[in-house]
């Protein structure tokens, strides 16, 4: 059986923690940052867990990310 190919876009956007959670970065974090509040900019820095609905789809795109 041939190896599965990793989707390079998904590889750069998501990462898997040691406990198996798939983490993602929040949305529009770089454009027009000067007008955003400090609190909002601080919230963009943290990574959040992927929604359970999307977990199966994204885990297919990054098959060797560690489960």
PDB file of N, CA and C in Angstrom:
ATOM      1  N   UNK A   1       0.845  -1.185   0.000  1.00  0.00           N
ATOM      2  CA  UNK A   1       0.000   0.000   0.000  1.00  0.00           C
ATOM      3  C   UNK A   1       0.891   1.249   0.000  1.00  0.00           C
ATOM      4  N   UNK A   2       0.645   2.206  -0.881  1.00  0.00           N
ATOM      5  CA  UNK A   2       1.470   3.412  -0.898  1.00  0.00           C
ATOM      6  C   UNK A   2       1.170   4.317   0.296  1.00  0.00           C
ATOM      7  N   UNK A   3       2.129   5.170   0.587  1.00  0.00           N
ATOM      8  CA  UNK A   3       1.937   6.115   1.678  1.00  0.00           C
ATOM      9  C   UNK A   3       0.916   7.178   1.280  1.00  0.00           C
ATOM     10  N   UNK A   4       0.177   7.681   2.274  1.00  0.00           N
ATOM     11  CA  UNK A   4      -0.768   8.761   2.018  1.00  0.00           C
ATOM     12  C   UNK A   4      -0.017  10.079   1.986  1.00  0.00           C
ATOM     13  N   UNK A   5      -0.460  10.993   1.137  1.00  0.00           N
ATOM     14  CA  UNK A   5       0.196  12.291   1.056  1.00  0.00           C
ATOM     15  C   UNK A   5      -0.433  13.259   2.059  1.00  0.00           C
ATOM     16  N   UNK A   6       0.426  14.040   2.704  1.00  0.00           N
ATOM     17  CA  UNK A   6      -0.024  15.059   3.641  1.00  0.00           C
ATOM     18  C   UNK A   6      -0.399  16.318   2.879  1.00  0.00           C
ATOM     19  N   UNK A   7      -1.533  16.911   3.232  1.00  0.00           N
ATOM     20  CA  UNK A   7      -1.953  18.167   2.625  1.00  0.00           C
ATOM     21  C   UNK A   7      -1.123  19.288   3.258  1.00  0.00           C
ATOM     22  N   UNK A   8      -0.286  19.948   2.448  1.00  0.00           N
ATOM     23  CA  UNK A   8       0.687  20.900   2.984  1.00  0.00           C
ATOM     24  C   UNK A   8       0.019  22.136   3.579  1.00  0.00           C
ATOM     25  N   UNK A   9      -1.136  22.541   3.034  1.00  0.00           N
ATOM     26  CA  UNK A   9      -1.850  23.678   3.608  1.00  0.00           C
ATOM     27  C   UNK A   9      -2.381  23.361   4.989  1.00  0.00           C
ATOM     28  N   UNK A  10      -2.900  22.157   5.161  1.00  0.00           N
ATOM     29  CA  UNK A  10      -3.412  21.741   6.465  1.00  0.00           C
ATOM     30  C   UNK A  10      -2.271  21.541   7.456  1.00  0.00           C
ATOM     31  N   UNK A  11      -1.135  21.079   6.959  1.00  0.00           N
ATOM     32  CA  UNK A  11       0.021  20.853   7.823  1.00  0.00           C
ATOM     33  C   UNK A  11       0.499  22.154   8.455  1.00  0.00           C
ATOM     34  N   UNK A  12       0.429  23.253   7.692  1.00  0.00           N
ATOM     35  CA  UNK A  12       0.887  24.531   8.221  1.00  0.00           C
ATOM     36  C   UNK A  12      -0.160  25.212   9.095  1.00  0.00           C
ATOM     37  N   UNK A  13      -1.429  24.856   8.941  1.00  0.00           N
ATOM     38  CA  UNK A  13      -2.486  25.534   9.690  1.00  0.00           C
ATOM     39  C   UNK A  13      -2.885  24.836  10.983  1.00  0.00           C
ATOM     40  N   UNK A  14      -2.670  23.532  11.068  1.00  0.00           N
ATOM     41  CA  UNK A  14      -3.111  22.763  12.231  1.00  0.00           C
ATOM     42  C   UNK A  14      -1.931  22.018  12.830  1.00  0.00           C
ATOM     43  N   UNK A  15      -1.999  21.783  14.136  1.00  0.00           N
ATOM     44  CA  UNK A  15      -1.021  20.883  14.736  1.00  0.00           C
ATOM     45  C   UNK A  15      -1.699  20.060  15.817  1.00  0.00           C
ATOM     46  N   UNK A  16      -1.141  18.874  16.051  1.00  0.00           N
ATOM     47  CA  UNK A  16      -1.719  17.926  16.987  1.00  0.00           C
ATOM     48  C   UNK A  16      -0.911  17.968  18.275  1.00  0.00           C
ATOM     49  N   UNK A  17      -1.607  18.078  19.402  1.00  0.00           N
ATOM     50  CA  UNK A  17      -0.934  18.101  20.699  1.00  0.00           C
ATOM     51  C   UNK A  17      -0.571  16.684  21.117  1.00  0.00           C
ATOM     52  N   UNK A  18       0.119  16.574  22.227  1.00  0.00           N
ATOM     53  CA  UNK A  18       0.503  15.265  22.739  1.00  0.00           C
ATOM     54  C   UNK A  18      -0.677  14.418  23.152  1.00  0.00           C
ATOM     55  N   UNK A  19      -1.771  15.070  23.551  1.00  0.00           N
ATOM     56  CA  UNK A  19      -2.961  14.324  23.964  1.00  0.00           C
ATOM     57  C   UNK A  19      -3.883  14.003  22.800  1.00  0.00           C
ATOM     58  N   UNK A  20      -3.538  14.472  21.580  1.00  0.00           N
ATOM     59  CA  UNK A  20      -4.321  14.128  20.403  1.00  0.00           C
ATOM     60  C   UNK A  20      -5.293  15.188  19.928  1.00  0.00           C
ATOM     61  N   UNK A  21      -5.319  16.352  20.596  1.00  0.00           N
ATOM     62  CA  UNK A  21      -6.213  17.422  20.157  1.00  0.00           C
ATOM     63  C   UNK A  21      -5.628  18.109  18.929  1.00  0.00           C
ATOM     64  N   UNK A  22      -6.486  18.486  17.998  1.00  0.00           N
ATOM     65  CA  UNK A  22      -6.042  19.233  16.821  1.00  0.00           C
ATOM     66  C   UNK A  22      -6.303  20.712  17.102  1.00  0.00           C
ATOM     67  N   UNK A  23      -5.236  21.523  17.073  1.00  0.00           N
ATOM     68  CA  UNK A  23      -5.326  22.931  17.411  1.00  0.00           C
ATOM     69  C   UNK A  23      -5.236  23.776  16.142  1.00  0.00           C
ATOM     70  N   UNK A  24      -5.893  24.926  16.177  1.00  0.00           N
ATOM     71  CA  UNK A  24      -5.856  25.844  15.043  1.00  0.00           C
ATOM     72  C   UNK A  24      -5.662  27.260  15.558  1.00  0.00           C
ATOM     73  N   UNK A  25      -5.255  28.161  14.644  1.00  0.00           N
ATOM     74  CA  UNK A  25      -5.074  29.573  14.972  1.00  0.00           C
ATOM     75  C   UNK A  25      -6.323  30.323  14.548  1.00  0.00           C
ATOM     76  N   UNK A  26      -6.655  31.368  15.268  1.00  0.00           N
ATOM     77  CA  UNK A  26      -7.856  32.141  14.958  1.00  0.00           C
ATOM     78  C   UNK A  26      -7.703  32.951  13.678  1.00  0.00           C
ATOM     79  N   UNK A  27      -8.830  33.461  13.181  1.00  0.00           N
ATOM     80  CA  UNK A  27      -8.972  34.077  11.878  1.00  0.00           C
ATOM     81  C   UNK A  27      -8.147  35.280  11.486  1.00  0.00           C
ATOM     82  N   UNK A  28      -8.763  36.443  11.269  1.00  0.00           N
ATOM     83  CA  UNK A  28      -8.068  37.576  10.636  1.00  0.00           C
ATOM     84  C   UNK A  28      -7.139  38.280  11.607  1.00  0.00           C
ATOM     85  N   UNK A  29      -5.954  37.715  11.827  1.00  0.00           N
ATOM     86  CA  UNK A  29      -5.107  38.247  12.878  1.00  0.00           C
ATOM     87  C   UNK A  29      -4.071  39.253  12.410  1.00  0.00           C
ATOM     88  N   UNK A  30      -3.815  39.368  11.128  1.00  0.00           N
ATOM     89  CA  UNK A  30      -2.739  40.254  10.716  1.00  0.00           C
ATOM     90  C   UNK A  30      -3.217  41.517  10.006  1.00  0.00           C
ATOM     91  N   UNK A  31      -4.391  41.495   9.431  1.00  0.00           N
ATOM     92  CA  UNK A  31      -4.835  42.635   8.621  1.00  0.00           C
ATOM     93  C   UNK A  31      -5.512  43.692   9.495  1.00  0.00           C
ATOM     94  N   UNK A  32      -5.110  44.963   9.351  1.00  0.00           N
ATOM     95  CA  UNK A  32      -5.677  46.092  10.090  1.00  0.00           C
ATOM     96  C   UNK A  32      -5.602  45.904  11.604  1.00  0.00           C
ATOM     97  N   UNK A  33      -4.441  45.528  12.079  1.00  0.00           N
ATOM     98  CA  UNK A  33      -4.292  45.278  13.508  1.00  0.00           C
ATOM     99  C   UNK A  33      -4.241  46.559  14.326  1.00  0.00           C
ATOM    100  N   UNK A  34      -3.900  47.660  13.697  1.00  0.00           N
ATOM    101  CA  UNK A  34      -3.745  48.913  14.438  1.00  0.00           C
ATOM    102  C   UNK A  34      -5.069  49.377  15.029  1.00  0.00           C
ATOM    103  N   UNK A  35      -6.164  49.112  14.340  1.00  0.00           N
ATOM    104  CA  UNK A  35      -7.461  49.593  14.808  1.00  0.00           C
ATOM    105  C   UNK A  35      -8.131  48.651  15.802  1.00  0.00           C
ATOM    106  N   UNK A  36      -7.572  47.474  15.979  1.00  0.00           N
ATOM    107  CA  UNK A  36      -8.191  46.521  16.897  1.00  0.00           C
ATOM    108  C   UNK A  36      -7.750  46.796  18.338  1.00  0.00           C
ATOM    109  N   UNK A  37      -8.592  46.428  19.282  1.00  0.00           N
ATOM    110  CA  UNK A  37      -8.279  46.642  20.687  1.00  0.00           C
ATOM    111  C   UNK A  37      -7.165  45.696  21.145  1.00  0.00           C
ATOM    112  N   UNK A  38      -6.473  46.077  22.209  1.00  0.00           N
ATOM    113  CA  UNK A  38      -5.378  45.245  22.715  1.00  0.00           C
ATOM    114  C   UNK A  38      -5.878  43.870  23.141  1.00  0.00           C
ATOM    115  N   UNK A  39      -7.059  43.863  23.747  1.00  0.00           N
ATOM    116  CA  UNK A  39      -7.622  42.594  24.205  1.00  0.00           C
ATOM    117  C   UNK A  39      -7.881  41.655  23.031  1.00  0.00           C
ATOM    118  N   UNK A  40      -8.383  42.199  21.932  1.00  0.00           N
ATOM    119  CA  UNK A  40      -8.673  41.401  20.747  1.00  0.00           C
ATOM    120  C   UNK A  40      -7.385  40.859  20.145  1.00  0.00           C
ATOM    121  N   UNK A  41      -6.358  41.690  20.077  1.00  0.00           N
ATOM    122  CA  UNK A  41      -5.081  41.263  19.523  1.00  0.00           C
ATOM    123  C   UNK A  41      -4.451  40.175  20.386  1.00  0.00           C
ATOM    124  N   UNK A  42      -4.644  40.283  21.688  1.00  0.00           N
ATOM    125  CA  UNK A  42      -4.115  39.274  22.602  1.00  0.00           C
ATOM    126  C   UNK A  42      -4.841  37.939  22.421  1.00  0.00           C
ATOM    127  N   UNK A  43      -6.140  38.002  22.146  1.00  0.00           N
ATOM    128  CA  UNK A  43      -6.903  36.774  21.928  1.00  0.00           C
ATOM    129  C   UNK A  43      -6.496  36.057  20.640  1.00  0.00           C
ATOM    130  N   UNK A  44      -5.996  36.810  19.654  1.00  0.00           N
ATOM    131  CA  UNK A  44      -5.556  36.198  18.410  1.00  0.00           C
ATOM    132  C   UNK A  44      -4.290  35.361  18.592  1.00  0.00           C
ATOM    133  N   UNK A  45      -3.526  35.614  19.657  1.00  0.00           N
ATOM    134  CA  UNK A  45      -2.254  34.919  19.849  1.00  0.00           C
ATOM    135  C   UNK A  45      -2.430  33.462  20.286  1.00  0.00           C
ATOM    136  N   UNK A  46      -3.540  33.149  20.925  1.00  0.00           N
ATOM    137  CA  UNK A  46      -3.702  31.794  21.445  1.00  0.00           C
ATOM    138  C   UNK A  46      -4.297  30.857  20.400  1.00  0.00           C
ATOM    139  N   UNK A  47      -3.961  29.602  20.524  1.00  0.00           N
ATOM    140  CA  UNK A  47      -4.520  28.579  19.641  1.00  0.00           C
ATOM    141  C   UNK A  47      -5.722  27.953  20.332  1.00  0.00           C
ATOM    142  N   UNK A  48      -6.716  27.569  19.530  1.00  0.00           N
ATOM    143  CA  UNK A  48      -7.909  26.946  20.096  1.00  0.00           C
ATOM    144  C   UNK A  48      -8.116  25.571  19.464  1.00  0.00           C
ATOM    145  N   UNK A  49      -8.869  24.754  20.168  1.00  0.00           N
ATOM    146  CA  UNK A  49      -9.105  23.392  19.693  1.00  0.00           C
ATOM    147  C   UNK A  49     -10.081  23.411  18.523  1.00  0.00           C
ATOM    148  N   UNK A  50      -9.854  22.516  17.599  1.00  0.00           N
ATOM    149  CA  UNK A  50     -10.705  22.393  16.424  1.00  0.00           C
ATOM    150  C   UNK A  50     -12.082  21.866  16.834  1.00  0.00           C
ATOM    151  N   UNK A  51     -13.108  22.303  16.147  1.00  0.00           N
ATOM    152  CA  UNK A  51     -14.465  21.855  16.434  1.00  0.00           C
ATOM    153  C   UNK A  51     -14.582  20.357  16.145  1.00  0.00           C
ATOM    154  N   UNK A  52     -15.303  19.605  16.984  1.00  0.00           N
ATOM    155  CA  UNK A  52     -15.408  18.146  16.780  1.00  0.00           C
ATOM    156  C   UNK A  52     -15.950  17.722  15.416  1.00  0.00           C
ATOM    157  N   UNK A  53     -16.766  18.571  14.794  1.00  0.00           N
ATOM    158  CA  UNK A  53     -17.320  18.238  13.478  1.00  0.00           C
ATOM    159  C   UNK A  53     -16.205  18.167  12.430  1.00  0.00           C
ATOM    160  N   UNK A  54     -15.217  19.048  12.545  1.00  0.00           N
ATOM    161  CA  UNK A  54     -14.147  19.127  11.556  1.00  0.00           C
ATOM    162  C   UNK A  54     -12.975  18.198  11.844  1.00  0.00           C
ATOM    163  N   UNK A  55     -12.947  17.583  13.010  1.00  0.00           N
ATOM    164  CA  UNK A  55     -11.785  16.797  13.426  1.00  0.00           C
ATOM    165  C   UNK A  55     -11.488  15.635  12.476  1.00  0.00           C
ATOM    166  N   UNK A  56     -12.513  14.914  12.043  1.00  0.00           N
ATOM    167  CA  UNK A  56     -12.307  13.756  11.174  1.00  0.00           C
ATOM    168  C   UNK A  56     -11.787  14.179   9.798  1.00  0.00           C
ATOM    169  N   UNK A  57     -12.335  15.268   9.278  1.00  0.00           N
ATOM    170  CA  UNK A  57     -11.935  15.751   7.958  1.00  0.00           C
ATOM    171  C   UNK A  57     -10.486  16.224   7.949  1.00  0.00           C
ATOM    172  N   UNK A  58     -10.090  16.950   8.977  1.00  0.00           N
ATOM    173  CA  UNK A  58      -8.724  17.472   9.037  1.00  0.00           C
ATOM    174  C   UNK A  58      -7.728  16.359   9.340  1.00  0.00           C
ATOM    175  N   UNK A  59      -8.121  15.387  10.148  1.00  0.00           N
ATOM    176  CA  UNK A  59      -7.196  14.290  10.454  1.00  0.00           C
ATOM    177  C   UNK A  59      -6.916  13.429   9.230  1.00  0.00           C
ATOM    178  N   UNK A  60      -7.814  13.436   8.242  1.00  0.00           N
ATOM    179  CA  UNK A  60      -7.530  12.744   6.984  1.00  0.00           C
ATOM    180  C   UNK A  60      -6.476  13.499   6.168  1.00  0.00           C
ATOM    181  N   UNK A  61      -6.465  14.827   6.291  1.00  0.00           N
ATOM    182  CA  UNK A  61      -5.508  15.620   5.521  1.00  0.00           C
ATOM    183  C   UNK A  61      -4.086  15.541   6.102  1.00  0.00           C
ATOM    184  N   UNK A  62      -3.979  15.310   7.415  1.00  0.00           N
ATOM    185  CA  UNK A  62      -2.663  15.172   8.038  1.00  0.00           C
ATOM    186  C   UNK A  62      -2.574  13.794   8.703  1.00  0.00           C
ATOM    187  N   UNK A  63      -2.393  12.747   7.891  1.00  0.00           N
ATOM    188  CA  UNK A  63      -2.501  11.388   8.418  1.00  0.00           C
ATOM    189  C   UNK A  63      -1.387  10.985   9.384  1.00  0.00           C
ATOM    190  N   UNK A  64      -0.194  11.566   9.258  1.00  0.00           N
ATOM    191  CA  UNK A  64       0.931  11.137  10.082  1.00  0.00           C
ATOM    192  C   UNK A  64       1.259  12.154  11.168  1.00  0.00           C
ATOM    193  N   UNK A  65       0.277  12.905  11.609  1.00  0.00           N
ATOM    194  CA  UNK A  65       0.504  13.960  12.593  1.00  0.00           C
ATOM    195  C   UNK A  65       0.551  13.426  14.014  1.00  0.00           C
ATOM    196  N   UNK A  66       0.355  12.158  14.215  1.00  0.00           N
ATOM    197  CA  UNK A  66       0.361  11.581  15.559  1.00  0.00           C
ATOM    198  C   UNK A  66      -1.039  11.611  16.147  1.00  0.00           C
ATOM    199  N   UNK A  67      -1.498  10.461  16.558  1.00  0.00           N
ATOM    200  CA  UNK A  67      -2.873  10.384  17.036  1.00  0.00           C
ATOM    201  C   UNK A  67      -2.932  10.009  18.479  1.00  0.00           C
TER     202      UNK A  67
END
